Amino acid sequence: MKKMLFAMTMLLFAQFSLAAVVGRDVEYRAGDKVMKGFLAIDDSVRGKRAGVLVVPEWWGVNDYARKRARMLAAEGYVALVVDMYGEGKVAANPKEAGELAGSVNKNPPLALARFQAAEKFLSKQREFKKGELAAFGYCFGGGVVLNMARAGEPLKAVATFHGILATDVSVKPGDIKSKIRVFTGEADPAVPPEQVSAFKTEMDNAKVDYKLVSYPGVKHTFTNREADSYATQFNLPLKYDPAADADSWTQALALLKATLK
């Protein structure tokens, strides 16, 4: 209980430590497509620093994704919210979100190209320390960052929050170079027990440095305070959980501190 209260206190502190953080909407290209992301940096920090790519929930580059980027910037990282849809598209409802996410999930080369375009853009920022890169993904974005790790992208650390774990990709020892942390809810119908079990087998067989944390009774979208309103508005099995939110954030930050320089 004391550990959980500490985690929640630290999360609250992080959200009030954003005074020096500067965030701005940015544009970059992936092929002939204009991508519209969001870059967050703590202006009070001097010198180069590690970077974190933030891949949003299936809604797209929205205020929640921007908030997480700002929180990472407050921790001393340069954070970029990745546009996986192009033109900064934001879904208005689950049907639209599913169509946008599906168009990316069904086209792995497209997903990889758009992720790599974000990597390239971040690498050109004067604040970015070369080679020190991680990725956080939420919901749809959680599945994306896991697939980027499976593809061998140069990510030192990957954290996924209420993300899809299933994949059609076959990995072998040495393919995944990232340290991986997975945070999921036991009551999340989008990530059923058999999917969790298959993921563990996949990671074990590939000899990946990973840890999976499953929160009892916790539903999908547990890190997003808007989850309850989405649940009511769209009749979805979502629920914000402050304890799981705080604990997953604390553990994810510990991963970054242990792996990035």
C-alpha atoms as a PDB file:
ATOM      1  CA  MET A   1       0.000   0.000   0.000  1.00  0.00           C
ATOM      2  CA  LYS A   2       2.819   2.432   0.900  1.00  0.00           C
ATOM      3  CA  LYS A   3       4.534   1.671  -2.410  1.00  0.00           C
ATOM      4  CA  MET A   4       1.324   2.379  -4.333  1.00  0.00           C
ATOM      5  CA  LEU A   5       0.706   5.640  -2.463  1.00  0.00           C
ATOM      6  CA  PHE A   6       4.252   6.726  -3.251  1.00  0.00           C
ATOM      7  CA  ALA A   7       3.716   5.965  -6.944  1.00  0.00           C
ATOM      8  CA  MET A   8       0.501   7.984  -7.012  1.00  0.00           C
ATOM      9  CA  THR A   9       2.233  10.899  -5.275  1.00  0.00           C
ATOM     10  CA  MET A  10       5.041  10.842  -7.824  1.00  0.00           C
ATOM     11  CA  LEU A  11       2.551  10.780 -10.707  1.00  0.00           C
ATOM     12  CA  LEU A  12       0.737  13.777  -9.261  1.00  0.00           C
ATOM     13  CA  PHE A  13       4.054  15.572  -8.769  1.00  0.00           C
ATOM     14  CA  ALA A  14       5.018  14.901 -12.392  1.00  0.00           C
ATOM     15  CA  GLN A  15       1.816  16.494 -13.644  1.00  0.00           C
ATOM     16  CA  PHE A  16       2.536  19.645 -11.623  1.00  0.00           C
ATOM     17  CA  SER A  17       6.180  19.842 -12.759  1.00  0.00           C
ATOM     18  CA  LEU A  18       5.495  21.009 -16.293  1.00  0.00           C
ATOM     19  CA  ALA A  19       6.207  24.731 -15.897  1.00  0.00           C
ATOM     20  CA  ALA A  20       9.464  24.688 -17.889  1.00  0.00           C
ATOM     21  CA  VAL A  21       8.203  22.267 -20.518  1.00  0.00           C
ATOM     22  CA  VAL A  22       7.727  23.687 -23.986  1.00  0.00           C
ATOM     23  CA  GLY A  23       5.512  21.767 -26.390  1.00  0.00           C
ATOM     24  CA  ARG A  24       4.747  22.474 -30.006  1.00  0.00           C
ATOM     25  CA  ASP A  25       2.973  20.850 -32.908  1.00  0.00           C
ATOM     26  CA  VAL A  26       5.457  19.719 -35.567  1.00  0.00           C
ATOM     27  CA  GLU A  27       5.357  18.448 -39.130  1.00  0.00           C
ATOM     28  CA  TYR A  28       7.569  15.889 -40.845  1.00  0.00           C
ATOM     29  CA  ARG A  29       7.178  13.577 -43.812  1.00  0.00           C
ATOM     30  CA  ALA A  30       6.817   9.845 -44.304  1.00  0.00           C
ATOM     31  CA  GLY A  31       7.193   9.376 -48.036  1.00  0.00           C
ATOM     32  CA  ASP A  32       4.738  11.767 -49.673  1.00  0.00           C
ATOM     33  CA  LYS A  33       2.532  11.963 -46.557  1.00  0.00           C
ATOM     34  CA  VAL A  34       2.656  14.913 -44.155  1.00  0.00           C
ATOM     35  CA  MET A  35       2.769  13.726 -40.554  1.00  0.00           C
ATOM     36  CA  LYS A  36       1.715  16.000 -37.697  1.00  0.00           C
ATOM     37  CA  GLY A  37       3.134  15.153 -34.291  1.00  0.00           C
ATOM     38  CA  PHE A  38       3.906  16.961 -31.072  1.00  0.00           C
ATOM     39  CA  LEU A  39       7.353  17.672 -29.600  1.00  0.00           C
ATOM     40  CA  ALA A  40       7.911  18.378 -25.891  1.00  0.00           C
ATOM     41  CA  ILE A  41      11.143  19.592 -24.276  1.00  0.00           C
ATOM     42  CA  ASP A  42      12.097  21.019 -20.889  1.00  0.00           C
ATOM     43  CA  ASP A  43      13.663  24.351 -21.819  1.00  0.00           C
ATOM     44  CA  SER A  44      15.386  24.688 -18.466  1.00  0.00           C
ATOM     45  CA  VAL A  45      17.582  21.641 -19.158  1.00  0.00           C
ATOM     46  CA  ARG A  46      20.873  22.269 -20.935  1.00  0.00           C
ATOM     47  CA  GLY A  47      22.617  19.875 -23.282  1.00  0.00           C
ATOM     48  CA  LYS A  48      21.525  16.773 -25.126  1.00  0.00           C
ATOM     49  CA  ARG A  49      19.207  14.182 -23.662  1.00  0.00           C
ATOM     50  CA  ALA A  50      17.615  10.838 -24.444  1.00  0.00           C
ATOM     51  CA  GLY A  51      14.465  10.703 -26.531  1.00  0.00           C
ATOM     52  CA  VAL A  52      11.137   8.908 -26.180  1.00  0.00           C
ATOM     53  CA  LEU A  53       8.675   8.291 -28.998  1.00  0.00           C
ATOM     54  CA  VAL A  54       5.076   8.246 -27.782  1.00  0.00           C
ATOM     55  CA  VAL A  55       2.631   6.304 -29.954  1.00  0.00           C
ATOM     56  CA  PRO A  56      -0.953   7.271 -29.062  1.00  0.00           C
ATOM     57  CA  GLU A  57      -4.124   5.303 -28.486  1.00  0.00           C
ATOM     58  CA  TRP A  58      -6.243   4.551 -31.541  1.00  0.00           C
ATOM     59  CA  TRP A  59      -7.772   8.034 -31.321  1.00  0.00           C
ATOM     60  CA  GLY A  60      -4.620   9.602 -32.791  1.00  0.00           C
ATOM     61  CA  VAL A  61      -2.501  12.598 -31.774  1.00  0.00           C
ATOM     62  CA  ASN A  62      -4.827  14.024 -29.133  1.00  0.00           C
ATOM     63  CA  ASP A  63      -4.456  15.950 -25.877  1.00  0.00           C
ATOM     64  CA  TYR A  64      -3.854  12.795 -23.844  1.00  0.00           C
ATOM     65  CA  ALA A  65      -0.851  11.856 -25.974  1.00  0.00           C
ATOM     66  CA  ARG A  66       0.447  15.429 -25.712  1.00  0.00           C
ATOM     67  CA  LYS A  67       0.078  15.256 -21.922  1.00  0.00           C
ATOM     68  CA  ARG A  68       2.202  12.113 -21.731  1.00  0.00           C
ATOM     69  CA  ALA A  69       4.881  13.730 -23.918  1.00  0.00           C
ATOM     70  CA  ARG A  70       4.943  16.751 -21.605  1.00  0.00           C
ATOM     71  CA  MET A  71       5.276  14.478 -18.572  1.00  0.00           C
ATOM     72  CA  LEU A  72       8.240  12.729 -20.182  1.00  0.00           C
ATOM     73  CA  ALA A  73       9.825  16.078 -21.014  1.00  0.00           C
ATOM     74  CA  ALA A  74       9.438  17.098 -17.358  1.00  0.00           C
ATOM     75  CA  GLU A  75      11.481  13.995 -16.491  1.00  0.00           C
ATOM     76  CA  GLY A  76      14.363  15.228 -18.657  1.00  0.00           C
ATOM     77  CA  TYR A  77      13.640  13.558 -22.002  1.00  0.00           C
ATOM     78  CA  VAL A  78      12.814  14.995 -25.407  1.00  0.00           C
ATOM     79  CA  ALA A  79       9.489  13.423 -26.346  1.00  0.00           C
ATOM     80  CA  LEU A  80       7.769  13.155 -29.708  1.00  0.00           C
ATOM     81  CA  VAL A  81       4.163  12.061 -30.185  1.00  0.00           C
ATOM     82  CA  VAL A  82       4.147   9.939 -33.329  1.00  0.00           C
ATOM     83  CA  ASP A  83       1.500  10.470 -35.985  1.00  0.00           C
ATOM     84  CA  MET A  84       0.684   7.007 -37.335  1.00  0.00           C
ATOM     85  CA  TYR A  85      -2.243   8.134 -39.503  1.00  0.00           C
ATOM     86  CA  GLY A  86      -0.938  11.162 -41.393  1.00  0.00           C
ATOM     87  CA  GLU A  87      -2.107  14.782 -41.357  1.00  0.00           C
ATOM     88  CA  GLY A  88      -2.571  14.515 -37.590  1.00  0.00           C
ATOM     89  CA  LYS A  89      -5.921  12.767 -37.983  1.00  0.00           C
ATOM     90  CA  VAL A  90      -7.897  12.309 -34.769  1.00  0.00           C
ATOM     91  CA  ALA A  91     -10.824   9.896 -34.680  1.00  0.00           C
ATOM     92  CA  ALA A  92     -14.206  11.184 -33.533  1.00  0.00           C
ATOM     93  CA  ASN A  93     -15.650   7.792 -32.584  1.00  0.00           C
ATOM     94  CA  PRO A  94     -14.661   4.115 -32.195  1.00  0.00           C
ATOM     95  CA  LYS A  95     -15.721   3.205 -35.757  1.00  0.00           C
ATOM     96  CA  GLU A  96     -13.441   5.842 -37.218  1.00  0.00           C
ATOM     97  CA  ALA A  97     -10.656   4.953 -34.784  1.00  0.00           C
ATOM     98  CA  GLY A  98     -10.915   1.271 -35.691  1.00  0.00           C
ATOM     99  CA  GLU A  99     -10.708   2.044 -39.392  1.00  0.00           C
ATOM    100  CA  LEU A 100      -7.651   4.250 -38.948  1.00  0.00           C
ATOM    101  CA  ALA A 101      -5.878   1.793 -36.654  1.00  0.00           C
ATOM    102  CA  GLY A 102      -6.805  -1.117 -38.917  1.00  0.00           C
ATOM    103  CA  SER A 103      -5.328   0.600 -41.963  1.00  0.00           C
ATOM    104  CA  VAL A 104      -1.983   0.717 -40.151  1.00  0.00           C
ATOM    105  CA  ASN A 105      -2.115  -2.690 -38.474  1.00  0.00           C
ATOM    106  CA  LYS A 106      -2.923  -4.425 -41.779  1.00  0.00           C
ATOM    107  CA  ASN A 107       0.077  -2.820 -43.476  1.00  0.00           C
ATOM    108  CA  PRO A 108       3.277  -3.545 -41.467  1.00  0.00           C
ATOM    109  CA  PRO A 109       5.611  -1.876 -44.031  1.00  0.00           C
ATOM    110  CA  LEU A 110       3.523   1.305 -43.790  1.00  0.00           C
ATOM    111  CA  ALA A 111       3.596   1.203 -39.982  1.00  0.00           C
ATOM    112  CA  LEU A 112       7.366   0.720 -39.992  1.00  0.00           C
ATOM    113  CA  ALA A 113       7.926   3.550 -42.470  1.00  0.00           C
ATOM    114  CA  ARG A 114       5.829   5.981 -40.437  1.00  0.00           C
ATOM    115  CA  PHE A 115       7.536   5.009 -37.203  1.00  0.00           C
ATOM    116  CA  GLN A 116      10.961   5.362 -38.794  1.00  0.00           C
ATOM    117  CA  ALA A 117      10.000   8.795 -40.146  1.00  0.00           C
ATOM    118  CA  ALA A 118       9.321   9.863 -36.555  1.00  0.00           C
ATOM    119  CA  GLU A 119      12.642   8.371 -35.451  1.00  0.00           C
ATOM    120  CA  LYS A 120      14.420  10.351 -38.157  1.00  0.00           C
ATOM    121  CA  PHE A 121      12.670  13.586 -37.201  1.00  0.00           C
ATOM    122  CA  LEU A 122      13.518  13.167 -33.518  1.00  0.00           C
ATOM    123  CA  SER A 123      17.149  12.319 -34.327  1.00  0.00           C
ATOM    124  CA  LYS A 124      17.520  15.695 -36.047  1.00  0.00           C
ATOM    125  CA  GLN A 125      16.526  17.678 -32.958  1.00  0.00           C
ATOM    126  CA  ARG A 126      19.535  19.452 -31.464  1.00  0.00           C
ATOM    127  CA  GLU A 127      18.534  18.318 -27.961  1.00  0.00           C
ATOM    128  CA  PHE A 128      18.524  14.619 -28.858  1.00  0.00           C
ATOM    129  CA  LYS A 129      21.413  12.436 -27.706  1.00  0.00           C
ATOM    130  CA  LYS A 130      22.296  10.047 -30.532  1.00  0.00           C
ATOM    131  CA  GLY A 131      21.515   6.399 -29.885  1.00  0.00           C
ATOM    132  CA  GLU A 132      19.513   7.016 -26.703  1.00  0.00           C
ATOM    133  CA  LEU A 133      15.992   6.188 -27.791  1.00  0.00           C
ATOM    134  CA  ALA A 134      12.950   4.536 -26.214  1.00  0.00           C
ATOM    135  CA  ALA A 135       9.261   4.217 -27.069  1.00  0.00           C
ATOM    136  CA  PHE A 136       6.051   4.295 -25.055  1.00  0.00           C
ATOM    137  CA  GLY A 137       2.787   3.071 -26.567  1.00  0.00           C
ATOM    138  CA  TYR A 138      -0.811   3.233 -25.402  1.00  0.00           C
ATOM    139  CA  CYS A 139      -3.621   0.904 -26.559  1.00  0.00           C
ATOM    140  CA  PHE A 140      -3.161   0.723 -30.369  1.00  0.00           C
ATOM    141  CA  GLY A 141       0.194   2.431 -29.836  1.00  0.00           C
ATOM    142  CA  GLY A 142       1.225  -0.288 -27.418  1.00  0.00           C
ATOM    143  CA  GLY A 143       0.875  -2.855 -30.166  1.00  0.00           C
ATOM    144  CA  VAL A 144       2.801  -0.589 -32.537  1.00  0.00           C
ATOM    145  CA  VAL A 145       5.821  -0.169 -30.263  1.00  0.00           C
ATOM    146  CA  LEU A 146       5.948  -3.902 -29.577  1.00  0.00           C
ATOM    147  CA  ASN A 147       5.954  -4.574 -33.314  1.00  0.00           C
ATOM    148  CA  MET A 148       8.735  -2.026 -33.775  1.00  0.00           C
ATOM    149  CA  ALA A 149      10.778  -3.892 -31.172  1.00  0.00           C
ATOM    150  CA  ARG A 150       9.991  -7.153 -32.975  1.00  0.00           C
ATOM    151  CA  ALA A 151      11.222  -5.528 -36.200  1.00  0.00           C
ATOM    152  CA  GLY A 152      14.553  -4.783 -34.545  1.00  0.00           C
ATOM    153  CA  GLU A 153      14.212  -1.006 -34.366  1.00  0.00           C
ATOM    154  CA  PRO A 154      17.015   0.642 -32.334  1.00  0.00           C
ATOM    155  CA  LEU A 155      14.977   1.176 -29.192  1.00  0.00           C
ATOM    156  CA  LYS A 156      16.788   0.634 -25.916  1.00  0.00           C
ATOM    157  CA  ALA A 157      13.532   0.444 -23.987  1.00  0.00           C
ATOM    158  CA  VAL A 158       9.882  -0.131 -24.848  1.00  0.00           C
ATOM    159  CA  ALA A 159       6.905   0.262 -22.525  1.00  0.00           C
ATOM    160  CA  THR A 160       3.357  -0.613 -23.500  1.00  0.00           C
ATOM    161  CA  PHE A 161       0.275   0.411 -21.540  1.00  0.00           C
ATOM    162  CA  HIS A 162      -3.007  -1.501 -22.092  1.00  0.00           C
ATOM    163  CA  GLY A 163      -1.664  -2.416 -25.528  1.00  0.00           C
ATOM    164  CA  ILE A 164      -2.491  -5.333 -27.786  1.00  0.00           C
ATOM    165  CA  LEU A 165       0.078  -8.126 -27.397  1.00  0.00           C
ATOM    166  CA  ALA A 166      -0.907 -10.430 -30.280  1.00  0.00           C
ATOM    167  CA  THR A 167       1.224 -10.578 -33.405  1.00  0.00           C
ATOM    168  CA  ASP A 168       1.669 -12.456 -36.664  1.00  0.00           C
ATOM    169  CA  VAL A 169       5.421 -11.841 -36.541  1.00  0.00           C
ATOM    170  CA  SER A 170       7.728 -14.699 -35.624  1.00  0.00           C
ATOM    171  CA  VAL A 171      10.772 -13.660 -33.597  1.00  0.00           C
ATOM    172  CA  LYS A 172      13.844 -15.606 -32.599  1.00  0.00           C
ATOM    173  CA  PRO A 173      16.619 -14.967 -30.071  1.00  0.00           C
ATOM    174  CA  GLY A 174      18.518 -11.817 -30.967  1.00  0.00           C
ATOM    175  CA  ASP A 175      15.746 -10.200 -33.015  1.00  0.00           C
ATOM    176  CA  ILE A 176      14.515  -7.984 -30.178  1.00  0.00           C
ATOM    177  CA  LYS A 177      17.185  -5.736 -28.724  1.00  0.00           C
ATOM    178  CA  SER A 178      14.909  -3.639 -26.510  1.00  0.00           C
ATOM    179  CA  LYS A 179      14.165  -4.086 -22.842  1.00  0.00           C
ATOM    180  CA  ILE A 180      10.396  -4.431 -22.676  1.00  0.00           C
ATOM    181  CA  ARG A 181       7.845  -3.631 -19.991  1.00  0.00           C
ATOM    182  CA  VAL A 182       4.184  -4.491 -20.472  1.00  0.00           C
ATOM    183  CA  PHE A 183       1.415  -3.094 -18.268  1.00  0.00           C
ATOM    184  CA  THR A 184      -2.004  -4.637 -18.734  1.00  0.00           C
ATOM    185  CA  GLY A 185      -5.279  -5.108 -16.876  1.00  0.00           C
ATOM    186  CA  GLU A 186      -6.517  -8.576 -15.973  1.00  0.00           C
ATOM    187  CA  ALA A 187     -10.085  -7.470 -16.723  1.00  0.00           C
ATOM    188  CA  ASP A 188      -9.227  -6.036 -20.151  1.00  0.00           C
ATOM    189  CA  PRO A 189     -11.295  -7.905 -22.790  1.00  0.00           C
ATOM    190  CA  ALA A 190      -8.982  -6.559 -25.516  1.00  0.00           C
ATOM    191  CA  VAL A 191      -6.088  -8.465 -23.944  1.00  0.00           C
ATOM    192  CA  PRO A 192      -7.520 -11.816 -22.774  1.00  0.00           C
ATOM    193  CA  PRO A 193      -5.495 -14.333 -20.713  1.00  0.00           C
ATOM    194  CA  GLU A 194      -4.648 -16.487 -23.740  1.00  0.00           C
ATOM    195  CA  GLN A 195      -3.094 -13.447 -25.451  1.00  0.00           C
ATOM    196  CA  VAL A 196      -1.011 -12.720 -22.363  1.00  0.00           C
ATOM    197  CA  SER A 197       0.097 -16.349 -22.162  1.00  0.00           C
ATOM    198  CA  ALA A 198       1.072 -16.430 -25.839  1.00  0.00           C
ATOM    199  CA  PHE A 199       3.048 -13.208 -25.433  1.00  0.00           C
ATOM    200  CA  LYS A 200       4.991 -14.608 -22.486  1.00  0.00           C
ATOM    201  CA  THR A 201       5.826 -17.726 -24.480  1.00  0.00           C
ATOM    202  CA  GLU A 202       6.935 -15.577 -27.415  1.00  0.00           C
ATOM    203  CA  MET A 203       9.216 -13.452 -25.237  1.00  0.00           C
ATOM    204  CA  ASP A 204      10.619 -16.427 -23.339  1.00  0.00           C
ATOM    205  CA  ASN A 205      11.430 -18.311 -26.548  1.00  0.00           C
ATOM    206  CA  ALA A 206      13.102 -15.217 -28.010  1.00  0.00           C
ATOM    207  CA  LYS A 207      15.044 -14.726 -24.758  1.00  0.00           C
ATOM    208  CA  VAL A 208      13.898 -11.116 -24.401  1.00  0.00           C
ATOM    209  CA  ASP A 209      14.587  -8.987 -21.343  1.00  0.00           C
ATOM    210  CA  TYR A 210      10.980  -8.279 -20.438  1.00  0.00           C
ATOM    211  CA  LYS A 211       8.566  -7.899 -17.552  1.00  0.00           C
ATOM    212  CA  LEU A 212       4.783  -8.135 -17.727  1.00  0.00           C
ATOM    213  CA  VAL A 213       2.669  -6.541 -15.004  1.00  0.00           C
ATOM    214  CA  SER A 214      -1.000  -7.508 -14.905  1.00  0.00           C
ATOM    215  CA  TYR A 215      -3.278  -5.521 -12.592  1.00  0.00           C
ATOM    216  CA  PRO A 216      -6.152  -7.514 -11.005  1.00  0.00           C
ATOM    217  CA  GLY A 217      -9.630  -6.200 -11.821  1.00  0.00           C
ATOM    218  CA  VAL A 218      -8.278  -3.437 -14.067  1.00  0.00           C
ATOM    219  CA  LYS A 219      -9.889  -2.705 -17.438  1.00  0.00           C
ATOM    220  CA  HIS A 220      -8.715  -1.226 -20.733  1.00  0.00           C
ATOM    221  CA  THR A 221      -7.413   2.362 -20.979  1.00  0.00           C
ATOM    222  CA  PHE A 222      -6.564   2.415 -17.272  1.00  0.00           C
ATOM    223  CA  THR A 223      -3.984   5.223 -17.636  1.00  0.00           C
ATOM    224  CA  ASN A 224      -6.362   7.710 -19.266  1.00  0.00           C
ATOM    225  CA  ARG A 225      -8.591   9.849 -17.055  1.00  0.00           C
ATOM    226  CA  GLU A 226     -10.991  10.194 -20.002  1.00  0.00           C
ATOM    227  CA  ALA A 227     -11.626   6.431 -20.020  1.00  0.00           C
ATOM    228  CA  ASP A 228     -14.807   6.686 -17.961  1.00  0.00           C
ATOM    229  CA  SER A 229     -16.337   9.324 -20.220  1.00  0.00           C
ATOM    230  CA  TYR A 230     -15.425   7.271 -23.304  1.00  0.00           C
ATOM    231  CA  ALA A 231     -17.048   4.247 -21.649  1.00  0.00           C
ATOM    232  CA  THR A 232     -20.279   6.160 -21.088  1.00  0.00           C
ATOM    233  CA  GLN A 233     -20.325   7.932 -24.436  1.00  0.00           C
ATOM    234  CA  PHE A 234     -19.518   4.907 -26.603  1.00  0.00           C
ATOM    235  CA  ASN A 235     -20.590   1.988 -24.374  1.00  0.00           C
ATOM    236  CA  LEU A 236     -17.053   0.584 -24.185  1.00  0.00           C
ATOM    237  CA  PRO A 237     -15.516  -1.597 -21.412  1.00  0.00           C
ATOM    238  CA  LEU A 238     -13.056   1.089 -20.274  1.00  0.00           C
ATOM    239  CA  LYS A 239     -12.162   2.322 -16.797  1.00  0.00           C
ATOM    240  CA  TYR A 240      -9.512   4.673 -15.440  1.00  0.00           C
ATOM    241  CA  ASP A 241      -7.567   3.200 -12.536  1.00  0.00           C
ATOM    242  CA  PRO A 242      -5.431   5.726 -10.626  1.00  0.00           C
ATOM    243  CA  ALA A 243      -3.405   3.104  -8.767  1.00  0.00           C
ATOM    244  CA  ALA A 244      -2.499   1.145 -11.913  1.00  0.00           C
ATOM    245  CA  ASP A 245      -1.817   4.403 -13.745  1.00  0.00           C
ATOM    246  CA  ALA A 246       0.592   5.573 -11.055  1.00  0.00           C
ATOM    247  CA  ASP A 247       2.352   2.243 -10.631  1.00  0.00           C
ATOM    248  CA  SER A 248       2.837   1.651 -14.376  1.00  0.00           C
ATOM    249  CA  TRP A 249       4.193   5.174 -14.848  1.00  0.00           C
ATOM    250  CA  THR A 250       6.659   4.775 -11.973  1.00  0.00           C
ATOM    251  CA  GLN A 251       7.904   1.451 -13.295  1.00  0.00           C
ATOM    252  CA  ALA A 252       8.170   2.782 -16.854  1.00  0.00           C
ATOM    253  CA  LEU A 253      10.260   5.734 -15.701  1.00  0.00           C
ATOM    254  CA  ALA A 254      12.500   3.356 -13.761  1.00  0.00           C
ATOM    255  CA  LEU A 255      13.030   1.433 -16.995  1.00  0.00           C
ATOM    256  CA  LEU A 256      14.102   4.605 -18.798  1.00  0.00           C
ATOM    257  CA  LYS A 257      16.491   5.590 -16.035  1.00  0.00           C
ATOM    258  CA  ALA A 258      18.049   2.130 -16.061  1.00  0.00           C
ATOM    259  CA  THR A 259      18.542   1.933 -19.837  1.00  0.00           C
ATOM    260  CA  LEU A 260      19.000   5.447 -21.236  1.00  0.00           C
ATOM    261  CA  LYS A 261      21.997   7.714 -20.680  1.00  0.00           C
END
